[in-house]
Structure formats: C-alpha cells, structure tokens
C-alpha atoms as a PDB file:
ATOM      1  CA  MET A   1     -24.676  11.546   2.424  1.00  0.00           C
ATOM      2  CA  ASP A   2     -24.875   8.546   4.738  1.00  0.00           C
ATOM      3  CA  LEU A   3     -23.718   5.035   3.872  1.00  0.00           C
ATOM      4  CA  GLU A   4     -27.221   3.769   3.096  1.00  0.00           C
ATOM      5  CA  ALA A   5     -27.755   6.553   0.542  1.00  0.00           C
ATOM      6  CA  ALA A   6     -24.273   6.053  -0.937  1.00  0.00           C
ATOM      7  CA  GLN A   7     -24.883   2.334  -1.367  1.00  0.00           C
ATOM      8  CA  ALA A   8     -28.288   3.022  -2.957  1.00  0.00           C
ATOM      9  CA  ALA A   9     -26.598   5.428  -5.392  1.00  0.00           C
ATOM     10  CA  LEU A  10     -24.047   2.735  -6.246  1.00  0.00           C
ATOM     11  CA  ARG A  11     -26.752   0.118  -6.827  1.00  0.00           C
ATOM     12  CA  ALA A  12     -28.609   2.546  -9.119  1.00  0.00           C
ATOM     13  CA  ARG A  13     -25.449   2.840 -11.269  1.00  0.00           C
ATOM     14  CA  ASN A  14     -24.377  -0.816 -11.123  1.00  0.00           C
ATOM     15  CA  THR A  15     -22.995  -2.100 -14.415  1.00  0.00           C
ATOM     16  CA  VAL A  16     -23.978  -5.606 -15.479  1.00  0.00           C
ATOM     17  CA  VAL A  17     -20.829  -7.639 -16.082  1.00  0.00           C
ATOM     18  CA  PRO A  18     -20.364 -11.212 -17.411  1.00  0.00           C
ATOM     19  CA  ARG A  19     -19.041 -12.592 -14.128  1.00  0.00           C
ATOM     20  CA  PRO A  20     -20.370 -10.429 -11.303  1.00  0.00           C
ATOM     21  CA  ALA A  21     -18.804 -10.631  -7.872  1.00  0.00           C
ATOM     22  CA  ARG A  22     -20.890 -11.931  -5.032  1.00  0.00           C
ATOM     23  CA  LEU A  23     -21.329 -10.483  -1.577  1.00  0.00           C
ATOM     24  CA  PRO A  24     -19.239 -12.154   1.125  1.00  0.00           C
ATOM     25  CA  THR A  25     -20.676 -14.020   4.055  1.00  0.00           C
ATOM     26  CA  ALA A  26     -20.172 -12.694   7.570  1.00  0.00           C
ATOM     27  CA  ALA A  27     -17.734 -15.572   8.108  1.00  0.00           C
ATOM     28  CA  GLU A  28     -15.661 -14.466   5.092  1.00  0.00           C
ATOM     29  CA  VAL A  29     -15.512 -10.901   6.423  1.00  0.00           C
ATOM     30  CA  GLU A  30     -14.432 -12.204   9.828  1.00  0.00           C
ATOM     31  CA  ALA A  31     -11.779 -14.413   8.198  1.00  0.00           C
ATOM     32  CA  ALA A  32     -10.377 -11.387   6.345  1.00  0.00           C
ATOM     33  CA  GLU A  33     -10.251  -9.405   9.595  1.00  0.00           C
ATOM     34  CA  ALA A  34      -8.414 -12.292  11.259  1.00  0.00           C
ATOM     35  CA  SER A  35      -6.015 -12.600   8.331  1.00  0.00           C
ATOM     36  CA  ILE A  36      -4.854  -8.992   8.663  1.00  0.00           C
ATOM     37  CA  ALA A  37      -5.231  -9.068  12.462  1.00  0.00           C
ATOM     38  CA  ARG A  38      -7.537  -6.067  12.814  1.00  0.00           C
ATOM     39  CA  PRO A  39     -11.243  -5.382  12.890  1.00  0.00           C
ATOM     40  CA  PHE A  40     -12.782  -3.404  10.052  1.00  0.00           C
ATOM     41  CA  PRO A  41     -14.472  -0.074  10.723  1.00  0.00           C
ATOM     42  CA  SER A  42     -18.233  -0.605  11.002  1.00  0.00           C
ATOM     43  CA  ASP A  43     -19.091   1.252   7.773  1.00  0.00           C
ATOM     44  CA  TYR A  44     -16.553  -0.782   5.820  1.00  0.00           C
ATOM     45  CA  ARG A  45     -17.881  -4.049   7.253  1.00  0.00           C
ATOM     46  CA  ARG A  46     -21.385  -2.980   6.232  1.00  0.00           C
ATOM     47  CA  PHE A  47     -20.191  -2.011   2.743  1.00  0.00           C
ATOM     48  CA  LEU A  48     -18.521  -5.403   2.261  1.00  0.00           C
ATOM     49  CA  LEU A  49     -21.660  -7.271   3.311  1.00  0.00           C
ATOM     50  CA  GLU A  50     -24.152  -5.105   1.414  1.00  0.00           C
ATOM     51  CA  ALA A  51     -22.539  -3.503  -1.646  1.00  0.00           C
ATOM     52  CA  SER A  52     -19.101  -4.919  -2.437  1.00  0.00           C
ATOM     53  CA  ASP A  53     -20.543  -6.702  -5.469  1.00  0.00           C
ATOM     54  CA  VAL A  54     -21.293  -3.426  -7.301  1.00  0.00           C
ATOM     55  CA  VAL A  55     -19.427  -2.378 -10.461  1.00  0.00           C
ATOM     56  CA  VAL A  56     -19.382   1.355 -11.195  1.00  0.00           C
ATOM     57  CA  GLY A  57     -16.820   3.107 -13.382  1.00  0.00           C
ATOM     58  CA  TYR A  58     -13.189   2.140 -13.380  1.00  0.00           C
ATOM     59  CA  LEU A  59     -12.473   1.967  -9.624  1.00  0.00           C
ATOM     60  CA  GLU A  60     -12.707  -1.528  -8.169  1.00  0.00           C
ATOM     61  CA  PRO A  61     -12.693  -1.653  -4.379  1.00  0.00           C
ATOM     62  CA  CYS A  62     -11.250  -4.746  -2.749  1.00  0.00           C
ATOM     63  CA  VAL A  63     -13.283  -7.853  -2.022  1.00  0.00           C
ATOM     64  CA  VAL A  64     -12.997 -10.547   0.635  1.00  0.00           C
ATOM     65  CA  VAL A  65     -14.522 -13.463  -1.262  1.00  0.00           C
ATOM     66  CA  PRO A  66     -12.348 -16.426  -2.311  1.00  0.00           C
ATOM     67  CA  ASP A  67     -10.712 -15.995  -5.700  1.00  0.00           C
ATOM     68  CA  GLY A  68     -10.993 -12.193  -5.528  1.00  0.00           C
ATOM     69  CA  GLY A  69      -8.155 -11.959  -8.036  1.00  0.00           C
ATOM     70  CA  TYR A  70      -6.433  -8.603  -8.314  1.00  0.00           C
ATOM     71  CA  CYS A  71      -9.149  -7.065  -6.066  1.00  0.00           C
ATOM     72  CA  ASP A  72      -8.377  -9.388  -3.148  1.00  0.00           C
ATOM     73  CA  LEU A  73      -8.182  -7.340   0.052  1.00  0.00           C
ATOM     74  CA  ILE A  74      -5.529  -9.470   1.757  1.00  0.00           C
ATOM     75  CA  ALA A  75      -3.171  -9.368  -1.243  1.00  0.00           C
ATOM     76  CA  THR A  76      -3.812  -5.640  -1.746  1.00  0.00           C
ATOM     77  CA  CYS A  77      -2.992  -4.921   1.900  1.00  0.00           C
ATOM     78  CA  ALA A  78       0.267  -6.871   1.719  1.00  0.00           C
ATOM     79  CA  GLU A  79       1.273  -5.100  -1.496  1.00  0.00           C
ATOM     80  CA  ALA A  80       0.301  -1.642  -0.242  1.00  0.00           C
ATOM     81  CA  TRP A  81       2.082  -2.006   3.080  1.00  0.00           C
ATOM     82  CA  ALA A  82       5.194  -3.289   1.262  1.00  0.00           C
ATOM     83  CA  ASP A  83       4.973  -0.206  -1.005  1.00  0.00           C
ATOM     84  CA  GLY A  84       5.060   2.105   2.019  1.00  0.00           C
ATOM     85  CA  VAL A  85       1.416   2.692   2.871  1.00  0.00           C
ATOM     86  CA  PRO A  86       1.285   3.228   6.659  1.00  0.00           C
ATOM     87  CA  SER A  87       0.537  -0.067   8.378  1.00  0.00           C
ATOM     88  CA  ALA A  88      -2.192   1.591  10.457  1.00  0.00           C
ATOM     89  CA  TRP A  89      -4.144   2.304   7.260  1.00  0.00           C
ATOM     90  CA  LEU A  90      -6.407  -0.298   5.655  1.00  0.00           C
ATOM     91  CA  PRO A  91      -5.985  -0.228   1.848  1.00  0.00           C
ATOM     92  CA  THR A  92      -9.444  -0.831   0.379  1.00  0.00           C
ATOM     93  CA  CYS A  93      -9.020   0.185  -3.268  1.00  0.00           C
ATOM     94  CA  GLN A  94      -5.954   0.155  -5.527  1.00  0.00           C
ATOM     95  CA  ASP A  95      -5.684   2.349  -8.606  1.00  0.00           C
ATOM     96  CA  ASN A  96      -2.490   1.936 -10.660  1.00  0.00           C
ATOM     97  CA  GLY A  97      -0.178   1.814  -7.661  1.00  0.00           C
ATOM     98  CA  ASP A  98      -2.135   4.408  -5.688  1.00  0.00           C
ATOM     99  CA  TYR A  99      -4.356   3.412  -2.778  1.00  0.00           C
ATOM    100  CA  PHE A 100      -7.500   4.605  -1.060  1.00  0.00           C
ATOM    101  CA  CYS A 101      -7.240   3.548   2.566  1.00  0.00           C
ATOM    102  CA  LEU A 102      -9.304   3.641   5.714  1.00  0.00           C
ATOM    103  CA  ASP A 103      -7.696   5.391   8.648  1.00  0.00           C
ATOM    104  CA  GLY A 104     -10.397   4.713  11.215  1.00  0.00           C
ATOM    105  CA  GLU A 105     -13.596   5.950   9.565  1.00  0.00           C
ATOM    106  CA  ARG A 106     -11.735   8.475   7.377  1.00  0.00           C
ATOM    107  CA  VAL A 107     -10.612   7.590   3.844  1.00  0.00           C
ATOM    108  CA  ARG A 108      -7.058   8.634   2.972  1.00  0.00           C
ATOM    109  CA  TYR A 109      -5.317   8.692  -0.397  1.00  0.00           C
ATOM    110  CA  TRP A 110      -1.778   7.359  -0.741  1.00  0.00           C
ATOM    111  CA  SER A 111      -0.040   8.074  -4.038  1.00  0.00           C
ATOM    112  CA  HIS A 112       2.717   5.895  -5.443  1.00  0.00           C
ATOM    113  CA  ASN A 113       4.821   9.013  -4.762  1.00  0.00           C
ATOM    114  CA  GLY A 114       4.007   8.766  -1.041  1.00  0.00           C
ATOM    115  CA  LEU A 115       1.740  10.460   1.473  1.00  0.00           C
ATOM    116  CA  THR A 116      -0.781  13.055   0.328  1.00  0.00           C
ATOM    117  CA  ASP A 117      -3.164  15.382   2.140  1.00  0.00           C
ATOM    118  CA  GLU A 118      -6.189  14.094   0.225  1.00  0.00           C
ATOM    119  CA  HIS A 119      -8.843  12.597   2.460  1.00  0.00           C
ATOM    120  CA  TRP A 120     -12.586  12.225   2.937  1.00  0.00           C
ATOM    121  CA  PRO A 121     -14.369  12.196   6.304  1.00  0.00           C
ATOM    122  CA  ASP A 122     -15.987   8.811   5.795  1.00  0.00           C
ATOM    123  CA  LEU A 123     -16.628   5.985   3.376  1.00  0.00           C
ATOM    124  CA  ALA A 124     -20.002   7.373   2.223  1.00  0.00           C
ATOM    125  CA  THR A 125     -18.419  10.673   1.187  1.00  0.00           C
ATOM    126  CA  TRP A 126     -15.640   8.839  -0.679  1.00  0.00           C
ATOM    127  CA  ILE A 127     -18.201   6.663  -2.485  1.00  0.00           C
ATOM    128  CA  ASP A 128     -20.176   9.752  -3.535  1.00  0.00           C
ATOM    129  CA  GLU A 129     -17.324  12.106  -4.433  1.00  0.00           C
ATOM    130  CA  VAL A 130     -14.698   9.727  -5.787  1.00  0.00           C
ATOM    131  CA  TRP A 131     -16.141   6.382  -6.847  1.00  0.00           C
ATOM    132  CA  ILE A 132     -19.422   7.700  -8.239  1.00  0.00           C
ATOM    133  CA  GLY A 133     -18.084  11.181  -8.962  1.00  0.00           C
ATOM    134  CA  GLU A 134     -15.218   9.988 -11.160  1.00  0.00           C
ATOM    135  CA  ALA A 135     -17.433   7.446 -12.924  1.00  0.00           C
ATOM    136  CA  GLY A 136     -19.464  10.327 -14.314  1.00  0.00           C
END
C-alpha cells in the first residue's frame, strides 16, 4: 500500500468528533521541523499536511498545530527522548508510554521497557497494519 491509498483508507474510516483537529499549514510544519532541528521524512510531511486531522480507533498520532494538547509533536518528542527513545528517531505517536517513531522512512516501535525489534518498512504500511488494523 502506498501513502495515498493509506490516507484514503484513513479518510474512509474517519470518526466524526465534537472538536476535530485541523490540518497544519506548511509554515506550521516547517516551524515544527525547526523546533526539533531536523527535517521530516517526505511521507511524514505529506501525512501531516494531508491527513493528520483524521480520527480512527484509539491511536492518536501527533499533530503540529497550535494547542495540540497531549498529541503535540514537540512535547511528545521531548518526553520520548527523555524516556530513552533514541534521539535519532522521530516519535510520531504515543500509546501509554510506548512510542511509534520514524527512523528515516521506517517506523519503529519503542516500548516503555526499551528497544524492540518491531518495525514497519514505511509510514503507509504502519497506517494500514497498525493504525487501521488495530482499529478493527
């Protein structure tokens, strides 16, 4: 599955919520990159700009819009790196002290118990197998 198909599958399953998130502007994405002093992988940048407002299941990937609350990417990164997530990884989704992180284009899973071998080759595969897959 490619990212376009994964995002279409997410949109098809989007749950209507009382206060939906909004998509960030390109400037907000750039500000988040500057804040953590690294560029985002191209698929992640595209996801943020095109589908980061989707609600599916219980997983809530990070956002880069102001007032992102507990899903704020910058705060999640700081917390994850302080918890021991490798600083080269970009934490993009927190789940009860566990993190899904980008390591280049690959998605890696870091448990609150430490490093794991769980990974997915790209963001589209993670969206399909984990985010959508666990939502049922």
